[in-house]
N, C-alpha and C. Protein backbone atom coordinates (compact mmCIF):
# COMPACT_ATOMS: atom_id res chain seq x y z
N MET A 1 -225.87 15.08 44.91
CA MET A 1 -224.57 15.24 45.50
C MET A 1 -224.19 16.18 46.69
N ASN A 2 -223.50 15.76 47.34
CA ASN A 2 -223.53 16.06 48.82
C ASN A 2 -222.96 17.20 49.16
N ALA A 3 -223.08 18.17 50.33
CA ALA A 3 -223.48 19.39 51.01
C ALA A 3 -221.79 19.17 50.49
N ARG A 4 -220.83 18.54 51.07
CA ARG A 4 -219.37 18.52 50.78
C ARG A 4 -218.61 18.66 49.39
N ASP A 5 -219.14 17.91 48.51
CA ASP A 5 -219.55 18.66 46.98
C ASP A 5 -219.11 19.58 46.39
N LYS A 6 -220.84 20.04 46.70
CA LYS A 6 -220.84 21.70 46.76
C LYS A 6 -219.74 22.60 47.12
N GLN A 7 -220.07 22.38 48.46
CA GLN A 7 -218.76 23.03 48.94
C GLN A 7 -217.68 23.20 48.23
N CYS A 8 -216.72 22.16 48.00
CA CYS A 8 -215.41 21.73 47.09
C CYS A 8 -215.61 22.78 45.41
N LEU A 9 -216.84 22.10 45.14
CA LEU A 9 -217.13 23.06 43.46
C LEU A 9 -216.92 24.49 43.35
N GLY A 10 -218.06 24.92 45.01
CA GLY A 10 -218.13 26.36 44.83
C GLY A 10 -217.06 27.23 45.41
N LYS A 11 -215.80 26.46 45.97
CA LYS A 11 -214.63 27.46 46.58
C LYS A 11 -213.82 27.41 45.14
N THR A 12 -213.83 26.18 44.18
CA THR A 12 -213.77 26.38 43.03
C THR A 12 -213.94 27.03 41.99
N LEU A 13 -214.88 27.95 41.98
CA LEU A 13 -215.35 28.50 41.17
C LEU A 13 -215.44 30.04 41.47
N ASN A 14 -215.93 30.19 42.93
CA ASN A 14 -215.12 31.19 43.73
C ASN A 14 -213.77 31.89 43.21
N ILE A 15 -212.78 30.81 43.20
CA ILE A 15 -211.65 31.09 42.13
C ILE A 15 -211.36 31.46 40.73
N ILE A 16 -211.70 30.65 40.56
CA ILE A 16 -211.34 30.14 38.79
C ILE A 16 -213.04 30.60 37.98
N GLY A 17 -214.23 31.44 38.72
CA GLY A 17 -215.23 31.37 37.90
C GLY A 17 -215.60 33.21 37.11
N SER A 18 -214.74 34.16 37.51
CA SER A 18 -215.07 35.35 37.09
C SER A 18 -214.75 35.32 36.04
N LYS A 19 -215.67 36.50 34.93
CA LYS A 19 -215.41 36.92 33.54
C LYS A 19 -213.96 36.74 33.37
N TRP A 20 -212.60 37.24 33.73
CA TRP A 20 -211.39 36.88 33.17
C TRP A 20 -210.34 35.97 33.52
N THR A 21 -210.23 35.27 34.78
CA THR A 21 -209.70 34.50 35.20
C THR A 21 -209.17 33.53 34.49
N VAL A 22 -210.49 32.70 33.79
CA VAL A 22 -209.64 31.57 32.77
C VAL A 22 -208.77 32.02 31.93
N PHE A 23 -209.35 33.27 31.35
CA PHE A 23 -208.02 33.79 30.15
C PHE A 23 -206.84 33.69 30.87
N LEU A 24 -206.82 34.30 32.14
CA LEU A 24 -205.49 34.24 32.66
C LEU A 24 -205.10 33.85 32.78
N LEU A 25 -205.34 32.86 33.60
CA LEU A 25 -204.86 31.65 33.93
C LEU A 25 -204.36 30.84 33.12
N HIS A 26 -205.21 30.46 31.86
CA HIS A 26 -205.24 30.15 30.21
C HIS A 26 -203.58 31.03 29.60
N GLU A 27 -203.31 32.45 30.07
CA GLU A 27 -202.55 33.25 29.11
C GLU A 27 -201.18 32.54 30.42
N LEU A 28 -200.84 32.70 31.96
CA LEU A 28 -200.25 32.35 32.33
C LEU A 28 -199.73 30.40 32.53
N THR A 29 -200.40 29.82 31.65
CA THR A 29 -199.98 27.98 31.54
C THR A 29 -198.58 28.88 30.68
N GLY A 30 -198.91 29.78 29.63
CA GLY A 30 -197.52 29.52 29.07
C GLY A 30 -196.18 30.26 29.84
N GLY A 31 -195.88 29.98 31.10
CA GLY A 31 -195.02 30.94 31.79
C GLY A 31 -194.95 31.98 32.11
N THR A 32 -193.95 33.02 32.89
CA THR A 32 -193.77 34.00 33.37
C THR A 32 -194.46 35.27 32.39
N ARG A 33 -195.18 35.90 33.09
CA ARG A 33 -195.52 37.55 32.12
C ARG A 33 -195.37 38.50 33.04
N ARG A 34 -194.99 39.57 32.60
CA ARG A 34 -195.27 40.89 32.82
C ARG A 34 -197.21 41.43 33.12
N PHE A 35 -197.48 42.43 33.82
CA PHE A 35 -198.27 43.21 33.06
C PHE A 35 -198.93 43.63 32.35
N GLY A 36 -197.95 44.49 31.68
CA GLY A 36 -198.07 44.94 30.57
C GLY A 36 -198.38 43.80 29.11
N GLU A 37 -197.59 42.29 29.65
CA GLU A 37 -197.95 41.58 28.22
C GLU A 37 -199.33 40.70 28.75
N LEU A 38 -199.79 40.78 29.85
CA LEU A 38 -201.23 39.58 29.99
C LEU A 38 -202.39 41.08 30.01
N GLU A 39 -201.89 42.47 29.92
CA GLU A 39 -203.17 43.24 29.57
C GLU A 39 -202.99 43.32 28.01
N ARG A 40 -201.82 43.02 27.01
CA ARG A 40 -202.31 43.27 25.84
C ARG A 40 -202.87 41.18 25.34
N ALA A 41 -202.08 40.15 25.85
CA ALA A 41 -202.62 39.43 25.45
C ALA A 41 -203.98 39.22 25.77
N LEU A 42 -204.93 39.42 26.83
CA LEU A 42 -206.50 39.75 26.80
C LEU A 42 -206.94 40.77 26.57
N ASP A 43 -207.20 41.10 25.31
CA ASP A 43 -207.67 42.02 24.78
C ASP A 43 -208.91 42.60 25.13
N GLY A 44 -209.60 43.89 25.66
CA GLY A 44 -210.76 44.38 26.29
C GLY A 44 -210.39 43.90 28.29
N ILE A 45 -209.68 43.74 28.62
CA ILE A 45 -209.92 43.69 29.69
C ILE A 45 -209.04 44.78 30.63
N SER A 46 -209.70 46.02 31.23
CA SER A 46 -209.44 46.83 31.54
C SER A 46 -208.04 46.70 33.03
N PRO A 47 -207.18 47.30 33.26
CA PRO A 47 -205.45 47.51 33.69
C PRO A 47 -206.36 47.42 35.34
N ARG A 48 -207.05 48.05 35.49
CA ARG A 48 -208.30 47.64 37.50
C ARG A 48 -208.64 46.10 37.13
N THR A 49 -209.29 45.62 36.42
CA THR A 49 -210.10 44.16 36.59
C THR A 49 -208.53 43.54 36.49
N LEU A 50 -207.30 43.69 35.29
CA LEU A 50 -206.15 42.44 35.77
C LEU A 50 -205.97 42.47 37.22
N SER A 51 -205.97 43.88 37.57
CA SER A 51 -204.99 44.01 38.64
C SER A 51 -205.65 43.28 39.75
N LEU A 52 -206.71 43.58 39.98
CA LEU A 52 -208.01 42.99 41.19
C LEU A 52 -207.59 41.28 41.11
N ARG A 53 -208.03 40.76 39.67
CA ARG A 53 -207.95 39.38 39.12
C ARG A 53 -206.18 38.72 39.88
N LEU A 54 -205.36 39.25 39.33
CA LEU A 54 -204.06 39.12 40.00
C LEU A 54 -204.27 39.06 41.03
N ARG A 55 -204.81 39.95 41.79
CA ARG A 55 -204.84 40.18 43.35
C ARG A 55 -205.61 39.34 43.87
N GLU A 56 -206.02 38.51 43.08
CA GLU A 56 -207.13 37.50 43.90
C GLU A 56 -206.20 36.51 43.76
N LEU A 57 -205.81 36.35 42.47
CA LEU A 57 -204.85 34.40 42.77
C LEU A 57 -204.02 34.63 43.59
N GLU A 58 -203.44 36.37 43.56
CA GLU A 58 -201.71 36.33 44.60
C GLU A 58 -202.60 35.34 45.77
N HIS A 59 -203.63 36.15 46.38
CA HIS A 59 -204.21 35.92 47.79
C HIS A 59 -205.16 34.48 47.95
N ALA A 60 -205.04 33.77 46.92
CA ALA A 60 -205.62 32.53 46.67
C ALA A 60 -204.63 31.57 46.74
N GLY A 61 -202.60 31.71 46.77
CA GLY A 61 -201.73 31.02 46.89
C GLY A 61 -201.64 30.51 44.35
N ILE A 62 -202.39 31.29 44.19
CA ILE A 62 -202.02 30.36 42.25
C ILE A 62 -201.50 31.38 41.89
N VAL A 63 -200.91 32.59 42.21
CA VAL A 63 -200.22 33.79 41.19
C VAL A 63 -199.63 33.39 42.33
N LYS A 64 -198.10 33.85 42.03
CA LYS A 64 -197.24 34.73 42.27
C LYS A 64 -196.47 35.68 41.49
N LYS A 65 -195.87 37.11 42.51
CA LYS A 65 -195.60 38.09 41.66
C LYS A 65 -194.14 38.83 42.28
N LYS A 66 -193.34 39.09 41.50
CA LYS A 66 -192.17 39.27 41.80
C LYS A 66 -191.74 40.20 41.12
N LEU A 67 -191.80 41.16 41.94
CA LEU A 67 -191.49 42.43 41.58
C LEU A 67 -189.60 43.14 41.82
N TYR A 68 -189.51 43.64 40.56
CA TYR A 68 -187.62 44.37 40.46
C TYR A 68 -188.28 45.39 41.02
N ALA A 69 -187.13 46.20 41.69
CA ALA A 69 -186.38 47.44 42.25
C ALA A 69 -185.34 47.58 40.62
N GLU A 70 -186.04 47.89 39.75
CA GLU A 70 -185.39 48.68 38.61
C GLU A 70 -185.76 50.20 38.53
N VAL A 71 -185.58 50.94 37.72
CA VAL A 71 -186.66 52.25 37.11
C VAL A 71 -186.48 51.63 35.50
N PRO A 72 -187.68 52.27 35.41
CA PRO A 72 -188.69 51.95 35.93
C PRO A 72 -188.79 50.22 36.57
N PRO A 73 -190.15 50.84 37.88
CA PRO A 73 -189.97 49.09 38.64
C PRO A 73 -191.06 48.67 37.55
N HIS A 74 -190.71 46.96 37.97
CA HIS A 74 -191.63 45.85 37.00
C HIS A 74 -191.89 44.94 37.86
N ALA A 75 -192.98 44.11 37.85
CA ALA A 75 -193.49 43.21 38.00
C ALA A 75 -193.66 41.61 36.99
N GLU A 76 -193.35 40.61 37.71
CA GLU A 76 -193.67 39.57 36.16
C GLU A 76 -194.92 38.93 37.58
N TYR A 77 -195.35 37.91 36.73
CA TYR A 77 -196.47 37.03 37.24
C TYR A 77 -196.05 35.12 36.51
N SER A 78 -196.53 34.46 38.02
CA SER A 78 -196.07 33.68 36.95
C SER A 78 -196.96 32.66 37.91
N LEU A 79 -197.34 30.99 37.28
CA LEU A 79 -198.04 30.68 38.31
C LEU A 79 -197.13 29.77 39.78
N THR A 80 -198.09 29.27 40.96
CA THR A 80 -197.45 29.15 41.99
C THR A 80 -197.90 27.16 42.00
N ASP A 81 -197.08 26.35 42.31
CA ASP A 81 -197.46 25.24 42.40
C ASP A 81 -199.40 24.81 42.34
N LYS A 82 -199.49 25.32 43.43
CA LYS A 82 -200.97 25.14 43.19
C LYS A 82 -201.97 25.73 41.71
N GLY A 83 -201.22 27.02 41.43
CA GLY A 83 -201.45 27.30 40.08
C GLY A 83 -201.37 25.83 39.09
N LYS A 84 -200.41 25.78 39.01
CA LYS A 84 -199.82 24.81 37.93
C LYS A 84 -200.80 23.54 38.23
N SER A 85 -200.66 23.04 39.46
CA SER A 85 -202.04 21.67 39.28
C SER A 85 -203.71 22.64 38.54
N LEU A 86 -203.84 23.81 37.98
CA LEU A 86 -204.92 24.22 37.47
C LEU A 86 -204.79 23.65 36.29
N ARG A 87 -203.58 23.91 35.65
CA ARG A 87 -203.31 23.75 34.54
C ARG A 87 -204.28 22.36 33.48
N SER A 88 -204.43 21.27 33.96
CA SER A 88 -205.02 20.21 33.11
C SER A 88 -206.67 20.60 33.58
N ILE A 89 -207.11 21.46 34.19
CA ILE A 89 -208.49 22.30 34.03
C ILE A 89 -208.55 23.07 32.66
N ILE A 90 -207.75 23.72 33.58
CA ILE A 90 -207.57 25.67 31.79
C ILE A 90 -207.63 24.04 31.04
N ARG A 91 -206.80 23.54 30.41
CA ARG A 91 -206.69 22.49 29.00
C ARG A 91 -208.02 22.28 28.43
N ASN A 92 -208.39 21.45 29.88
CA ASN A 92 -209.65 20.88 29.29
C ASN A 92 -211.12 21.33 28.76
N ILE A 93 -210.96 22.76 29.65
CA ILE A 93 -212.21 23.62 29.19
C ILE A 93 -211.50 24.08 28.16
N HIS A 94 -210.49 24.56 27.75
CA HIS A 94 -209.90 24.58 26.46
C HIS A 94 -210.56 23.79 25.20
N THR A 95 -209.97 22.75 25.16
CA THR A 95 -210.42 21.42 24.56
C THR A 95 -212.14 21.24 24.29
N TRP A 96 -212.39 21.23 25.21
CA TRP A 96 -214.26 21.13 25.12
C TRP A 96 -214.55 22.45 24.50
N GLY A 97 -214.71 23.29 24.64
CA GLY A 97 -214.61 24.35 23.90
C GLY A 97 -214.28 24.74 22.37
N LYS A 98 -213.37 23.90 22.18
CA LYS A 98 -213.01 23.85 20.78
C LYS A 98 -214.07 23.30 19.77
N GLY A 99 -214.67 22.03 20.77
CA GLY A 99 -215.42 21.16 19.96
C GLY A 99 -216.81 21.25 20.06
N ARG A 100 -216.87 22.46 20.53
CA ARG A 100 -218.28 22.68 20.42
C ARG A 100 -218.78 24.10 19.33
N SER A 101 -220.10 23.87 19.08
CA SER A 101 -220.02 24.93 17.38
C SER A 101 -220.51 25.98 18.07
N VAL A 102 -220.89 27.35 17.97
CA VAL A 102 -221.28 28.31 18.59
C VAL A 102 -222.86 28.61 18.41
């Protein structure tokens, strides 16, 4: 493996390699979700961690946040086109894991 390949893999893992990120991306492949929906779907994630992961993914251009000026205010999260390009990767990880015994 050459240095460029290592750099590319490193960048990818920096984005999707943290503990909750793959689960979060998997959840968002199903469509737009509110914060509370994501929190309930990702049993065990703390609100702080969820917020941090969403901000990281938003900063990376993978997730977009839409704010609604309502009372109470709320936000919805969805995948950007760049994020949607990760669907096949997430699906392959899921498929591979289903075929393995623990």
